[in-house]
Amino acid sequence: MARVIRITLLAFVCLAAAFVSTARAQHPGTNLNDIPIADVIEWRSFDISTWVTAGEAEEPEWWGAVYLGILDYAEVGAYGALGPRDEASGDVRFFGKFVYPLGEGKPSIGAGIDNVTGDEGDNGSIDPYLVVTHDFGPVRGTLGYSFQEDDQAFFAGVDTSFDFLELPATVGLDVAQTDDGDEWLISAGFEYQLPLDFVLESWYTWTTVDGAEDMLTIRLNWVISF
């Protein structure tokens, strides 16, 4: 299965190379650390992404994803493990999101579905969710709810953007319930626009789940528009 994902990502890389001369930098925009937000990648854009997660004792795990902007208010994509994992990785997982802005100065609302897979035994059940994001000026706030079977949960986040060394940067904090609302994940991280249409992200996730490790994630996105 990892070979299938690598071939898929290679195909997207080749397509991106064909349009790189007309590419312009874009904000990935679809997540804040560990939670979704009511934003999508722009129409006629796609994001090729790879990331690694690591805990104090666990071996690093590599992942890959592709996001594709559909019209003005929707995105679809897929992700999966790029190498061996301590746990079974299951099939490639698909996702989609629709976002509707209510107007200038008003929030955007979104409805999405994540973890769509043919192997729920390894990957878990499908994860539908609703989310609202509003730009308050100094900060942007997000509130949402996941309807995943046996793991229904609230999530929320706040982030702010600014220029650092003349390049756009974002820092954010989010919290999410897990274990059907009995435990919590708390994540803090940043996103930084690099030259050549790359975006670097990193965040640290603390967990209250007994026996689970806190995790560091480092992620690199290549956002292409044509």
C-alpha atoms as a PDB file:
ATOM      1  CA  MET A   1       0.000   0.000   0.000  1.00  0.00           C
ATOM      2  CA  ALA A   2       2.879   2.382   0.730  1.00  0.00           C
ATOM      3  CA  ARG A   3       4.018   1.787  -2.881  1.00  0.00           C
ATOM      4  CA  VAL A   4       0.590   2.864  -4.160  1.00  0.00           C
ATOM      5  CA  ILE A   5       0.777   6.084  -2.135  1.00  0.00           C
ATOM      6  CA  ARG A   6       4.280   6.836  -3.404  1.00  0.00           C
ATOM      7  CA  ILE A   7       3.153   6.364  -7.014  1.00  0.00           C
ATOM      8  CA  THR A   8       0.154   8.657  -6.420  1.00  0.00           C
ATOM      9  CA  LEU A   9       2.327  11.362  -4.874  1.00  0.00           C
ATOM     10  CA  LEU A  10       4.839  11.052  -7.721  1.00  0.00           C
ATOM     11  CA  ALA A  11       2.054  11.622 -10.244  1.00  0.00           C
ATOM     12  CA  PHE A  12       1.015  14.807  -8.444  1.00  0.00           C
ATOM     13  CA  VAL A  13       4.629  15.991  -8.295  1.00  0.00           C
ATOM     14  CA  CYS A  14       4.944  15.545 -12.068  1.00  0.00           C
ATOM     15  CA  LEU A  15       1.723  17.477 -12.605  1.00  0.00           C
ATOM     16  CA  ALA A  16       2.955  20.229 -10.316  1.00  0.00           C
ATOM     17  CA  ALA A  17       6.193  20.521 -12.232  1.00  0.00           C
ATOM     18  CA  ALA A  18       4.220  21.164 -15.414  1.00  0.00           C
ATOM     19  CA  PHE A  19       2.612  24.231 -13.830  1.00  0.00           C
ATOM     20  CA  VAL A  20       5.409  25.451 -11.578  1.00  0.00           C
ATOM     21  CA  SER A  21       6.233  28.376 -13.889  1.00  0.00           C
ATOM     22  CA  THR A  22       2.799  29.875 -13.167  1.00  0.00           C
ATOM     23  CA  ALA A  23       2.655  28.888  -9.502  1.00  0.00           C
ATOM     24  CA  ARG A  24       2.071  31.393  -6.752  1.00  0.00           C
ATOM     25  CA  ALA A  25       2.401  30.859  -3.015  1.00  0.00           C
ATOM     26  CA  GLN A  26      -0.728  29.969  -1.093  1.00  0.00           C
ATOM     27  CA  HIS A  27      -1.663  29.321   2.523  1.00  0.00           C
ATOM     28  CA  PRO A  28      -2.439  25.585   3.024  1.00  0.00           C
ATOM     29  CA  GLY A  29      -5.348  26.797   5.145  1.00  0.00           C
ATOM     30  CA  THR A  30      -7.113  23.503   5.843  1.00  0.00           C
ATOM     31  CA  ASN A  31      -6.034  22.691   9.389  1.00  0.00           C
ATOM     32  CA  LEU A  32      -4.715  24.262  12.568  1.00  0.00           C
ATOM     33  CA  ASN A  33      -2.278  21.760  14.046  1.00  0.00           C
ATOM     34  CA  ASP A  34      -4.522  18.810  14.940  1.00  0.00           C
ATOM     35  CA  ILE A  35      -7.973  20.238  14.053  1.00  0.00           C
ATOM     36  CA  PRO A  36      -9.780  21.218  10.817  1.00  0.00           C
ATOM     37  CA  ILE A  37     -10.825  24.828  10.243  1.00  0.00           C
ATOM     38  CA  ALA A  38     -13.518  26.374   8.037  1.00  0.00           C
ATOM     39  CA  ASP A  39     -11.135  27.119   5.194  1.00  0.00           C
ATOM     40  CA  VAL A  40     -10.120  25.210   2.066  1.00  0.00           C
ATOM     41  CA  ILE A  41      -7.298  25.292  -0.431  1.00  0.00           C
ATOM     42  CA  GLU A  42      -8.097  27.594  -3.350  1.00  0.00           C
ATOM     43  CA  TRP A  43      -9.729  26.452  -6.585  1.00  0.00           C
ATOM     44  CA  ARG A  44      -7.168  25.225  -9.158  1.00  0.00           C
ATOM     45  CA  SER A  45      -4.608  24.689  -6.407  1.00  0.00           C
ATOM     46  CA  PHE A  46      -3.251  21.600  -4.796  1.00  0.00           C
ATOM     47  CA  ASP A  47      -0.983  20.835  -1.869  1.00  0.00           C
ATOM     48  CA  ILE A  48       1.532  18.005  -1.805  1.00  0.00           C
ATOM     49  CA  SER A  49       2.417  17.356   1.805  1.00  0.00           C
ATOM     50  CA  THR A  50       4.666  15.081   3.817  1.00  0.00           C
ATOM     51  CA  TRP A  51       5.222  14.950   7.548  1.00  0.00           C
ATOM     52  CA  VAL A  52       6.871  12.963  10.297  1.00  0.00           C
ATOM     53  CA  THR A  53       5.587  12.334  13.822  1.00  0.00           C
ATOM     54  CA  ALA A  54       7.781  11.234  16.704  1.00  0.00           C
ATOM     55  CA  GLY A  55       7.459  10.593  20.412  1.00  0.00           C
ATOM     56  CA  GLU A  56      10.077  10.083  23.091  1.00  0.00           C
ATOM     57  CA  ALA A  57      10.033   6.271  22.769  1.00  0.00           C
ATOM     58  CA  GLU A  58       8.229   5.572  19.481  1.00  0.00           C
ATOM     59  CA  GLU A  59      10.010   5.344  16.155  1.00  0.00           C
ATOM     60  CA  PRO A  60       9.310   8.260  13.744  1.00  0.00           C
ATOM     61  CA  GLU A  61       6.439   7.651  11.330  1.00  0.00           C
ATOM     62  CA  TRP A  62       6.269   9.229   7.849  1.00  0.00           C
ATOM     63  CA  TRP A  63       3.018  10.263   6.180  1.00  0.00           C
ATOM     64  CA  GLY A  64       2.019  11.845   2.886  1.00  0.00           C
ATOM     65  CA  ALA A  65      -1.074  13.643   1.577  1.00  0.00           C
ATOM     66  CA  VAL A  66      -2.470  15.485  -1.418  1.00  0.00           C
ATOM     67  CA  TYR A  67      -5.156  18.220  -1.266  1.00  0.00           C
ATOM     68  CA  LEU A  68      -7.030  19.526  -4.314  1.00  0.00           C
ATOM     69  CA  GLY A  69      -9.160  22.687  -4.454  1.00  0.00           C
ATOM     70  CA  ILE A  70     -12.601  22.085  -6.027  1.00  0.00           C
ATOM     71  CA  LEU A  71     -14.405  25.218  -7.291  1.00  0.00           C
ATOM     72  CA  ASP A  72     -14.314  28.013  -4.710  1.00  0.00           C
ATOM     73  CA  TYR A  73     -15.570  26.378  -1.534  1.00  0.00           C
ATOM     74  CA  ALA A  74     -14.491  22.735  -1.427  1.00  0.00           C
ATOM     75  CA  GLU A  75     -11.469  20.486  -1.282  1.00  0.00           C
ATOM     76  CA  VAL A  76     -10.818  16.747  -1.526  1.00  0.00           C
ATOM     77  CA  GLY A  77      -7.729  14.682  -0.879  1.00  0.00           C
ATOM     78  CA  ALA A  78      -6.105  11.536   0.405  1.00  0.00           C
ATOM     79  CA  TYR A  79      -3.386  10.606   2.879  1.00  0.00           C
ATOM     80  CA  GLY A  80      -1.616   7.548   4.221  1.00  0.00           C
ATOM     81  CA  ALA A  81       1.539   6.152   5.795  1.00  0.00           C
ATOM     82  CA  LEU A  82       4.678   6.253   3.621  1.00  0.00           C
ATOM     83  CA  GLY A  83       6.579   3.599   5.536  1.00  0.00           C
ATOM     84  CA  PRO A  84       6.253   0.879   8.181  1.00  0.00           C
ATOM     85  CA  ARG A  85       4.498   1.765  11.423  1.00  0.00           C
ATOM     86  CA  ASP A  86       4.333   0.245  14.899  1.00  0.00           C
ATOM     87  CA  GLU A  87       0.575  -0.133  14.334  1.00  0.00           C
ATOM     88  CA  ALA A  88      -1.258  -1.383  11.248  1.00  0.00           C
ATOM     89  CA  SER A  89      -1.701   1.519   8.814  1.00  0.00           C
ATOM     90  CA  GLY A  90      -4.668   0.177   6.845  1.00  0.00           C
ATOM     91  CA  ASP A  91      -5.680   1.642   3.490  1.00  0.00           C
ATOM     92  CA  VAL A  92      -5.239   5.093   2.023  1.00  0.00           C
ATOM     93  CA  ARG A  93      -7.672   7.456   3.750  1.00  0.00           C
ATOM     94  CA  PHE A  94      -9.771   9.982   1.802  1.00  0.00           C
ATOM     95  CA  PHE A  95     -11.333  13.241   2.952  1.00  0.00           C
ATOM     96  CA  GLY A  96     -13.415  16.163   1.738  1.00  0.00           C
ATOM     97  CA  LYS A  97     -14.641  19.504   3.043  1.00  0.00           C
ATOM     98  CA  PHE A  98     -17.174  22.135   1.971  1.00  0.00           C
ATOM     99  CA  VAL A  99     -16.940  25.672   3.375  1.00  0.00           C
ATOM    100  CA  TYR A 100     -19.388  28.543   2.974  1.00  0.00           C
ATOM    101  CA  PRO A 101     -18.460  32.110   4.031  1.00  0.00           C
ATOM    102  CA  LEU A 102     -21.457  33.981   5.450  1.00  0.00           C
ATOM    103  CA  GLY A 103     -20.142  37.365   4.266  1.00  0.00           C
ATOM    104  CA  GLU A 104     -17.659  40.094   5.070  1.00  0.00           C
ATOM    105  CA  GLY A 105     -17.102  40.389   8.812  1.00  0.00           C
ATOM    106  CA  LYS A 106     -19.047  37.166   9.429  1.00  0.00           C
ATOM    107  CA  PRO A 107     -17.833  33.617  10.150  1.00  0.00           C
ATOM    108  CA  SER A 108     -17.372  30.801   7.681  1.00  0.00           C
ATOM    109  CA  ILE A 109     -19.064  27.466   8.297  1.00  0.00           C
ATOM    110  CA  GLY A 110     -17.781  24.130   7.109  1.00  0.00           C
ATOM    111  CA  ALA A 111     -18.879  20.516   6.871  1.00  0.00           C
ATOM    112  CA  GLY A 112     -16.353  17.786   6.267  1.00  0.00           C
ATOM    113  CA  ILE A 113     -15.715  14.085   6.303  1.00  0.00           C
ATOM    114  CA  ASP A 114     -12.396  12.492   7.182  1.00  0.00           C
ATOM    115  CA  ASN A 115     -10.960   8.994   7.515  1.00  0.00           C
ATOM    116  CA  VAL A 116     -12.940   7.522   4.603  1.00  0.00           C
ATOM    117  CA  THR A 117     -11.305   4.133   4.126  1.00  0.00           C
ATOM    118  CA  GLY A 118     -11.911   0.568   3.159  1.00  0.00           C
ATOM    119  CA  ASP A 119     -10.219  -0.693   6.325  1.00  0.00           C
ATOM    120  CA  GLU A 120     -12.089   0.569   9.368  1.00  0.00           C
ATOM    121  CA  GLY A 121     -10.598  -2.252  11.425  1.00  0.00           C
ATOM    122  CA  ASP A 122      -7.155  -0.601  11.300  1.00  0.00           C
ATOM    123  CA  ASN A 123      -8.080   3.035  10.604  1.00  0.00           C
ATOM    124  CA  GLY A 124     -11.223   3.504  12.679  1.00  0.00           C
ATOM    125  CA  SER A 125     -14.633   4.708  11.567  1.00  0.00           C
ATOM    126  CA  ILE A 126     -15.502   7.577   9.211  1.00  0.00           C
ATOM    127  CA  ASP A 127     -15.231  10.990  10.863  1.00  0.00           C
ATOM    128  CA  PRO A 128     -17.877  13.570   9.826  1.00  0.00           C
ATOM    129  CA  TYR A 129     -17.649  17.003  11.452  1.00  0.00           C
ATOM    130  CA  LEU A 130     -18.981  20.558  11.504  1.00  0.00           C
ATOM    131  CA  VAL A 131     -16.771  23.587  12.065  1.00  0.00           C
ATOM    132  CA  VAL A 132     -17.083  27.384  12.326  1.00  0.00           C
ATOM    133  CA  THR A 133     -14.159  29.805  11.897  1.00  0.00           C
ATOM    134  CA  HIS A 134     -14.285  33.570  12.416  1.00  0.00           C
ATOM    135  CA  ASP A 135     -11.611  36.217  11.892  1.00  0.00           C
ATOM    136  CA  PHE A 136     -11.793  38.627  14.837  1.00  0.00           C
ATOM    137  CA  GLY A 137      -8.982  40.809  13.477  1.00  0.00           C
ATOM    138  CA  PRO A 138      -6.083  40.237  15.864  1.00  0.00           C
ATOM    139  CA  VAL A 139      -6.862  36.509  16.059  1.00  0.00           C
ATOM    140  CA  ARG A 140      -8.919  33.902  14.245  1.00  0.00           C
ATOM    141  CA  GLY A 141     -11.061  31.487  16.268  1.00  0.00           C
ATOM    142  CA  THR A 142     -12.383  28.023  15.405  1.00  0.00           C
ATOM    143  CA  LEU A 143     -14.994  25.813  17.069  1.00  0.00           C
ATOM    144  CA  GLY A 144     -16.230  22.453  15.847  1.00  0.00           C
ATOM    145  CA  TYR A 145     -17.657  19.048  16.670  1.00  0.00           C
ATOM    146  CA  SER A 146     -16.736  15.582  15.413  1.00  0.00           C
ATOM    147  CA  PHE A 147     -19.484  12.977  15.012  1.00  0.00           C
ATOM    148  CA  GLN A 148     -17.143   9.983  14.673  1.00  0.00           C
ATOM    149  CA  GLU A 149     -18.680   6.805  16.060  1.00  0.00           C
ATOM    150  CA  ASP A 150     -17.423   6.035  19.601  1.00  0.00           C
ATOM    151  CA  ASP A 151     -15.304   9.201  19.594  1.00  0.00           C
ATOM    152  CA  GLN A 152     -17.700  12.151  19.355  1.00  0.00           C
ATOM    153  CA  ALA A 153     -15.887  15.245  20.542  1.00  0.00           C
ATOM    154  CA  PHE A 154     -15.579  19.038  20.552  1.00  0.00           C
ATOM    155  CA  PHE A 155     -12.513  20.839  19.228  1.00  0.00           C
ATOM    156  CA  ALA A 156     -11.460  24.496  19.264  1.00  0.00           C
ATOM    157  CA  GLY A 157      -8.493  26.637  18.296  1.00  0.00           C
ATOM    158  CA  VAL A 158      -7.100  30.133  17.991  1.00  0.00           C
ATOM    159  CA  ASP A 159      -4.380  31.464  15.689  1.00  0.00           C
ATOM    160  CA  THR A 160      -2.838  34.711  14.535  1.00  0.00           C
ATOM    161  CA  SER A 161      -0.786  35.654  11.467  1.00  0.00           C
ATOM    162  CA  PHE A 162       2.053  38.135  10.987  1.00  0.00           C
ATOM    163  CA  ASP A 163       5.197  38.698   8.913  1.00  0.00           C
ATOM    164  CA  PHE A 164       8.489  37.273  10.149  1.00  0.00           C
ATOM    165  CA  LEU A 165      11.666  38.152   8.235  1.00  0.00           C
ATOM    166  CA  GLU A 166       9.361  39.554   5.528  1.00  0.00           C
ATOM    167  CA  LEU A 167       7.576  36.204   5.064  1.00  0.00           C
ATOM    168  CA  PRO A 168       4.072  35.235   6.303  1.00  0.00           C
ATOM    169  CA  ALA A 169       3.893  33.247   9.534  1.00  0.00           C
ATOM    170  CA  THR A 170       1.091  31.873  11.710  1.00  0.00           C
ATOM    171  CA  VAL A 171       1.132  30.600  15.288  1.00  0.00           C
ATOM    172  CA  GLY A 172      -1.768  28.692  16.803  1.00  0.00           C
ATOM    173  CA  LEU A 173      -3.090  26.713  19.744  1.00  0.00           C
ATOM    174  CA  ASP A 174      -5.847  24.099  19.648  1.00  0.00           C
ATOM    175  CA  VAL A 175      -7.585  21.632  21.953  1.00  0.00           C
ATOM    176  CA  ALA A 176      -9.576  18.532  21.015  1.00  0.00           C
ATOM    177  CA  GLN A 177     -11.440  15.918  22.982  1.00  0.00           C
ATOM    178  CA  THR A 178     -10.607  12.265  22.385  1.00  0.00           C
ATOM    179  CA  ASP A 179     -11.692   8.864  23.744  1.00  0.00           C
ATOM    180  CA  ASP A 180     -15.327   9.897  23.240  1.00  0.00           C
ATOM    181  CA  GLY A 181     -14.810  13.123  25.177  1.00  0.00           C
ATOM    182  CA  ASP A 182     -13.051  11.622  28.193  1.00  0.00           C
ATOM    183  CA  GLU A 183      -9.510  12.780  27.344  1.00  0.00           C
ATOM    184  CA  TRP A 184      -7.835  15.776  25.695  1.00  0.00           C
ATOM    185  CA  LEU A 185      -5.238  16.641  23.076  1.00  0.00           C
ATOM    186  CA  ILE A 186      -3.589  20.082  23.324  1.00  0.00           C
ATOM    187  CA  SER A 187      -1.404  21.300  20.443  1.00  0.00           C
ATOM    188  CA  ALA A 188       0.720  24.397  19.865  1.00  0.00           C
ATOM    189  CA  GLY A 189       2.644  25.162  16.715  1.00  0.00           C
ATOM    190  CA  PHE A 190       3.537  27.427  13.808  1.00  0.00           C
ATOM    191  CA  GLU A 191       3.303  27.686  10.023  1.00  0.00           C
ATOM    192  CA  TYR A 192       5.863  29.585   7.946  1.00  0.00           C
ATOM    193  CA  GLN A 193       5.789  30.496   4.256  1.00  0.00           C
ATOM    194  CA  LEU A 194       9.097  29.626   2.575  1.00  0.00           C
ATOM    195  CA  PRO A 195      10.372  30.612  -0.885  1.00  0.00           C
ATOM    196  CA  LEU A 196       9.471  28.519  -3.958  1.00  0.00           C
ATOM    197  CA  ASP A 197       5.902  27.930  -2.735  1.00  0.00           C
ATOM    198  CA  PHE A 198       6.868  25.738   0.231  1.00  0.00           C
ATOM    199  CA  VAL A 199       5.239  26.031   3.659  1.00  0.00           C
ATOM    200  CA  LEU A 200       6.858  24.634   6.809  1.00  0.00           C
ATOM    201  CA  GLU A 201       4.681  23.571   9.726  1.00  0.00           C
ATOM    202  CA  SER A 202       5.487  22.109  13.124  1.00  0.00           C
ATOM    203  CA  TRP A 203       3.516  21.504  16.290  1.00  0.00           C
ATOM    204  CA  TYR A 204       3.744  19.672  19.607  1.00  0.00           C
ATOM    205  CA  THR A 205       0.796  17.705  20.965  1.00  0.00           C
ATOM    206  CA  TRP A 206       0.255  16.940  24.635  1.00  0.00           C
ATOM    207  CA  THR A 207      -2.202  14.202  25.598  1.00  0.00           C
ATOM    208  CA  THR A 208      -4.018  13.208  28.785  1.00  0.00           C
ATOM    209  CA  VAL A 209      -4.529   9.620  27.557  1.00  0.00           C
ATOM    210  CA  ASP A 210      -2.851   7.124  29.896  1.00  0.00           C
ATOM    211  CA  GLY A 211       0.030   5.351  28.218  1.00  0.00           C
ATOM    212  CA  ALA A 212       0.013   7.613  25.145  1.00  0.00           C
ATOM    213  CA  GLU A 213       3.034   9.729  24.254  1.00  0.00           C
ATOM    214  CA  ASP A 214       3.228  13.432  23.588  1.00  0.00           C
ATOM    215  CA  MET A 215       4.102  13.868  19.911  1.00  0.00           C
ATOM    216  CA  LEU A 216       6.130  16.277  17.774  1.00  0.00           C
ATOM    217  CA  THR A 217       5.046  16.764  14.138  1.00  0.00           C
ATOM    218  CA  ILE A 218       7.141  18.404  11.394  1.00  0.00           C
ATOM    219  CA  ARG A 219       5.405  18.939   8.060  1.00  0.00           C
ATOM    220  CA  LEU A 220       6.381  20.376   4.672  1.00  0.00           C
ATOM    221  CA  ASN A 221       3.778  21.502   2.110  1.00  0.00           C
ATOM    222  CA  TRP A 222       4.242  22.421  -1.548  1.00  0.00           C
ATOM    223  CA  VAL A 223       1.244  24.510  -2.607  1.00  0.00           C
ATOM    224  CA  ILE A 224       0.793  24.873  -6.373  1.00  0.00           C
ATOM    225  CA  SER A 225      -1.727  27.007  -8.276  1.00  0.00           C
ATOM    226  CA  PHE A 226      -2.323  27.023 -12.023  1.00  0.00           C
END
